[in-house]
């Protein structure tokens, strides 16, 4: 995939830049790729909304939701550790 969705010229930071960087010219995404990226981003938003608004979270006090989400996020790590021991 080109680095830019839209066609853009190449660029380069000036010689005294703190962190020199550059990018080649980008032809932009072709319509099929742009459509697929849009579809995937829409699906990501849909799933994120479903997770954040799921009734499961109502089982927790507001102050405990963050800790519960963090535990869920790292659940697979604990499973892998348990399986290897």
N, C-alpha and C. Protein backbone atom coordinates (compact mmCIF):
# COMPACT_ATOMS: atom_id res chain seq x y z
N UNK A 1 0.84 -1.18 0.00
CA UNK A 1 0.00 0.00 0.00
C UNK A 1 0.88 1.24 0.00
N UNK A 2 0.56 2.19 -0.82
CA UNK A 2 1.26 3.47 -0.75
C UNK A 2 1.05 4.12 0.62
N UNK A 3 1.99 4.92 1.05
CA UNK A 3 1.93 5.52 2.37
C UNK A 3 0.81 6.54 2.52
N UNK A 4 0.32 7.08 1.43
CA UNK A 4 -0.74 8.08 1.49
C UNK A 4 -1.96 7.61 0.72
N UNK A 5 -3.13 7.84 1.28
CA UNK A 5 -4.36 7.48 0.58
C UNK A 5 -4.56 8.35 -0.65
N UNK A 6 -4.12 9.58 -0.57
CA UNK A 6 -4.25 10.53 -1.67
C UNK A 6 -2.90 10.66 -2.38
N UNK A 7 -2.89 10.93 -3.67
CA UNK A 7 -1.61 11.17 -4.36
C UNK A 7 -0.90 12.38 -3.74
N UNK A 8 0.37 12.18 -3.37
CA UNK A 8 1.17 13.26 -2.78
C UNK A 8 2.57 13.19 -3.34
N UNK A 9 3.21 14.37 -3.42
CA UNK A 9 4.59 14.46 -3.88
C UNK A 9 5.53 13.91 -2.81
N UNK A 10 6.73 13.56 -3.24
CA UNK A 10 7.77 13.14 -2.30
C UNK A 10 8.14 14.33 -1.42
N UNK A 11 8.67 14.04 -0.23
CA UNK A 11 9.13 15.11 0.64
C UNK A 11 10.32 14.64 1.46
N UNK A 12 11.03 15.62 1.96
CA UNK A 12 12.22 15.35 2.75
C UNK A 12 12.38 16.48 3.75
N UNK A 13 12.79 16.16 4.99
CA UNK A 13 13.01 17.21 5.98
C UNK A 13 14.26 17.99 5.61
N UNK A 14 14.38 19.19 6.14
CA UNK A 14 15.56 20.01 5.84
C UNK A 14 16.79 19.40 6.53
N UNK A 15 17.96 19.83 6.10
CA UNK A 15 19.21 19.22 6.54
C UNK A 15 19.48 19.38 8.03
N UNK A 16 18.89 20.37 8.69
CA UNK A 16 19.12 20.58 10.12
C UNK A 16 17.98 20.05 10.98
N UNK A 17 17.17 19.20 10.42
CA UNK A 17 16.04 18.67 11.17
C UNK A 17 16.52 17.82 12.34
N UNK A 18 15.77 17.84 13.42
CA UNK A 18 16.11 17.05 14.60
C UNK A 18 16.17 15.57 14.24
N UNK A 19 15.21 15.13 13.44
CA UNK A 19 15.16 13.74 13.01
C UNK A 19 14.87 13.72 11.52
N UNK A 20 15.90 13.60 10.73
CA UNK A 20 15.68 13.61 9.28
C UNK A 20 14.78 12.46 8.84
N UNK A 21 13.89 12.76 7.92
CA UNK A 21 13.06 11.71 7.34
C UNK A 21 12.61 12.14 5.95
N UNK A 22 12.10 11.18 5.23
CA UNK A 22 11.62 11.47 3.88
C UNK A 22 10.60 10.43 3.48
N UNK A 23 9.87 10.74 2.45
CA UNK A 23 8.90 9.81 1.87
C UNK A 23 8.98 9.93 0.36
N UNK A 24 8.86 8.80 -0.33
CA UNK A 24 8.80 8.87 -1.79
C UNK A 24 7.43 9.39 -2.21
N UNK A 25 7.30 9.75 -3.46
CA UNK A 25 5.99 10.17 -3.96
C UNK A 25 5.00 9.01 -3.79
N UNK A 26 3.76 9.35 -3.50
CA UNK A 26 2.72 8.34 -3.33
C UNK A 26 1.68 8.50 -4.43
N UNK A 27 1.39 7.42 -5.15
CA UNK A 27 0.35 7.51 -6.17
C UNK A 27 -1.05 7.51 -5.58
N UNK A 28 -1.14 7.26 -4.27
CA UNK A 28 -2.45 7.14 -3.62
C UNK A 28 -2.95 5.71 -3.72
N UNK A 29 -4.01 5.43 -3.01
CA UNK A 29 -4.58 4.09 -3.01
C UNK A 29 -5.47 3.92 -4.23
N UNK A 30 -5.50 2.70 -4.75
CA UNK A 30 -6.45 2.46 -5.84
C UNK A 30 -7.84 2.30 -5.23
N UNK A 31 -8.89 2.47 -6.02
CA UNK A 31 -10.26 2.46 -5.46
C UNK A 31 -10.61 1.18 -4.70
N UNK A 32 -10.12 0.03 -5.15
CA UNK A 32 -10.42 -1.22 -4.45
C UNK A 32 -9.79 -1.24 -3.06
N UNK A 33 -8.53 -0.80 -2.98
CA UNK A 33 -7.86 -0.75 -1.68
C UNK A 33 -8.53 0.26 -0.76
N UNK A 34 -8.88 1.41 -1.29
CA UNK A 34 -9.55 2.43 -0.48
C UNK A 34 -10.88 1.91 0.05
N UNK A 35 -11.63 1.18 -0.78
CA UNK A 35 -12.91 0.62 -0.35
C UNK A 35 -12.71 -0.43 0.73
N UNK A 36 -11.68 -1.26 0.58
CA UNK A 36 -11.41 -2.30 1.58
C UNK A 36 -10.98 -1.69 2.90
N UNK A 37 -10.13 -0.68 2.86
CA UNK A 37 -9.71 0.01 4.09
C UNK A 37 -10.91 0.65 4.76
N UNK A 38 -11.77 1.29 4.00
CA UNK A 38 -12.98 1.91 4.57
C UNK A 38 -13.87 0.85 5.21
N UNK A 39 -14.01 -0.30 4.54
CA UNK A 39 -14.84 -1.39 5.10
C UNK A 39 -14.25 -1.90 6.41
N UNK A 40 -12.93 -2.11 6.43
CA UNK A 40 -12.29 -2.60 7.64
C UNK A 40 -12.36 -1.59 8.79
N UNK A 41 -12.19 -0.32 8.49
CA UNK A 41 -12.29 0.71 9.54
C UNK A 41 -13.71 0.80 10.08
N UNK A 42 -14.71 0.67 9.21
CA UNK A 42 -16.10 0.68 9.67
C UNK A 42 -16.37 -0.53 10.57
N UNK A 43 -15.83 -1.68 10.20
CA UNK A 43 -16.00 -2.89 11.02
C UNK A 43 -15.30 -2.73 12.36
N UNK A 44 -14.13 -2.11 12.35
CA UNK A 44 -13.40 -1.86 13.59
C UNK A 44 -14.22 -0.97 14.53
N UNK A 45 -14.82 0.09 13.99
CA UNK A 45 -15.66 0.97 14.82
C UNK A 45 -16.88 0.22 15.35
N UNK A 46 -17.48 -0.60 14.51
CA UNK A 46 -18.65 -1.39 14.92
C UNK A 46 -18.28 -2.33 16.07
N UNK A 47 -17.17 -3.03 15.94
CA UNK A 47 -16.76 -3.96 16.99
C UNK A 47 -16.35 -3.23 18.27
N UNK A 48 -15.66 -2.11 18.13
CA UNK A 48 -15.26 -1.33 19.31
C UNK A 48 -16.49 -0.84 20.06
N UNK A 49 -17.49 -0.39 19.32
CA UNK A 49 -18.73 0.07 19.94
C UNK A 49 -19.42 -1.08 20.67
N UNK A 50 -19.46 -2.25 20.02
CA UNK A 50 -20.09 -3.41 20.64
C UNK A 50 -19.39 -3.81 21.94
N UNK A 51 -18.07 -3.73 21.94
CA UNK A 51 -17.31 -4.10 23.13
C UNK A 51 -17.52 -3.09 24.26
N UNK A 52 -17.39 -1.82 23.94
CA UNK A 52 -17.47 -0.77 24.97
C UNK A 52 -18.87 -0.66 25.55
N UNK A 53 -19.90 -0.90 24.75
CA UNK A 53 -21.28 -0.74 25.23
C UNK A 53 -21.92 -2.07 25.64
N UNK A 54 -21.17 -3.15 25.66
CA UNK A 54 -21.73 -4.46 26.01
C UNK A 54 -22.26 -4.46 27.45
N UNK A 55 -23.39 -5.11 27.68
CA UNK A 55 -23.96 -5.15 29.04
C UNK A 55 -23.04 -5.76 30.09
N UNK A 56 -22.05 -6.53 29.68
CA UNK A 56 -21.09 -7.12 30.62
C UNK A 56 -20.49 -6.07 31.53
N UNK A 57 -20.21 -4.89 30.99
CA UNK A 57 -19.52 -3.86 31.77
C UNK A 57 -20.41 -3.26 32.85
N UNK A 58 -21.72 -3.48 32.77
CA UNK A 58 -22.61 -2.96 33.81
C UNK A 58 -22.48 -3.77 35.10
N UNK A 59 -21.78 -4.91 35.06
CA UNK A 59 -21.54 -5.71 36.25
C UNK A 59 -20.49 -5.10 37.17
N UNK A 60 -19.82 -4.07 36.69
CA UNK A 60 -18.73 -3.46 37.45
C UNK A 60 -19.10 -2.06 37.88
N UNK A 61 -18.59 -1.67 39.05
CA UNK A 61 -18.72 -0.27 39.47
C UNK A 61 -17.90 0.56 38.49
N UNK A 62 -18.31 1.79 38.30
CA UNK A 62 -17.64 2.66 37.32
C UNK A 62 -16.13 2.73 37.58
N UNK A 63 -15.74 2.76 38.84
CA UNK A 63 -14.32 2.86 39.18
C UNK A 63 -13.55 1.59 38.85
N UNK A 64 -14.25 0.47 38.66
CA UNK A 64 -13.58 -0.81 38.41
C UNK A 64 -13.56 -1.22 36.95
N UNK A 65 -14.23 -0.48 36.09
CA UNK A 65 -14.31 -0.85 34.67
C UNK A 65 -12.94 -0.87 34.02
N UNK A 66 -12.12 0.12 34.27
CA UNK A 66 -10.79 0.17 33.66
C UNK A 66 -9.96 -1.05 34.03
N UNK A 67 -9.96 -1.41 35.30
CA UNK A 67 -9.20 -2.58 35.74
C UNK A 67 -9.74 -3.85 35.08
N UNK A 68 -11.05 -3.96 34.95
CA UNK A 68 -11.66 -5.14 34.32
C UNK A 68 -11.30 -5.21 32.84
N UNK A 69 -11.31 -4.07 32.15
CA UNK A 69 -10.94 -4.06 30.73
C UNK A 69 -9.47 -4.39 30.54
N UNK A 70 -8.63 -3.91 31.44
CA UNK A 70 -7.21 -4.22 31.37
C UNK A 70 -6.99 -5.71 31.60
N UNK A 71 -7.70 -6.29 32.56
CA UNK A 71 -7.57 -7.73 32.82
C UNK A 71 -8.01 -8.53 31.60
N UNK A 72 -9.09 -8.11 30.96
CA UNK A 72 -9.56 -8.80 29.77
C UNK A 72 -8.54 -8.67 28.63
N UNK A 73 -7.97 -7.49 28.50
CA UNK A 73 -6.98 -7.25 27.46
C UNK A 73 -5.78 -8.19 27.59
N UNK A 74 -5.39 -8.49 28.82
CA UNK A 74 -4.20 -9.31 29.06
C UNK A 74 -4.54 -10.76 29.41
N UNK A 75 -5.79 -11.15 29.28
CA UNK A 75 -6.23 -12.50 29.62
C UNK A 75 -5.45 -13.56 28.86
N UNK A 76 -5.23 -13.36 27.57
CA UNK A 76 -4.53 -14.36 26.77
C UNK A 76 -3.10 -14.57 27.26
N UNK A 77 -2.47 -13.54 27.78
CA UNK A 77 -1.12 -13.67 28.30
C UNK A 77 -1.10 -14.60 29.51
N UNK A 78 -2.12 -14.47 30.36
CA UNK A 78 -2.21 -15.33 31.54
C UNK A 78 -2.50 -16.77 31.13
N UNK A 79 -3.33 -16.96 30.11
CA UNK A 79 -3.61 -18.30 29.62
C UNK A 79 -2.35 -18.96 29.09
N UNK A 80 -1.58 -18.20 28.32
CA UNK A 80 -0.34 -18.75 27.75
C UNK A 80 0.64 -19.11 28.85
N UNK A 81 0.74 -18.28 29.88
CA UNK A 81 1.65 -18.55 30.99
C UNK A 81 1.21 -19.80 31.74
N UNK A 82 -0.10 -19.95 31.94
CA UNK A 82 -0.62 -21.13 32.64
C UNK A 82 -0.39 -22.39 31.82
N UNK A 83 -0.53 -22.30 30.51
CA UNK A 83 -0.36 -23.46 29.64
C UNK A 83 1.10 -23.91 29.58
N UNK A 84 2.03 -22.99 29.74
CA UNK A 84 3.45 -23.35 29.64
C UNK A 84 4.00 -23.86 30.97
N UNK A 85 3.23 -23.72 32.05
CA UNK A 85 3.76 -24.19 33.35
C UNK A 85 3.25 -25.55 33.71
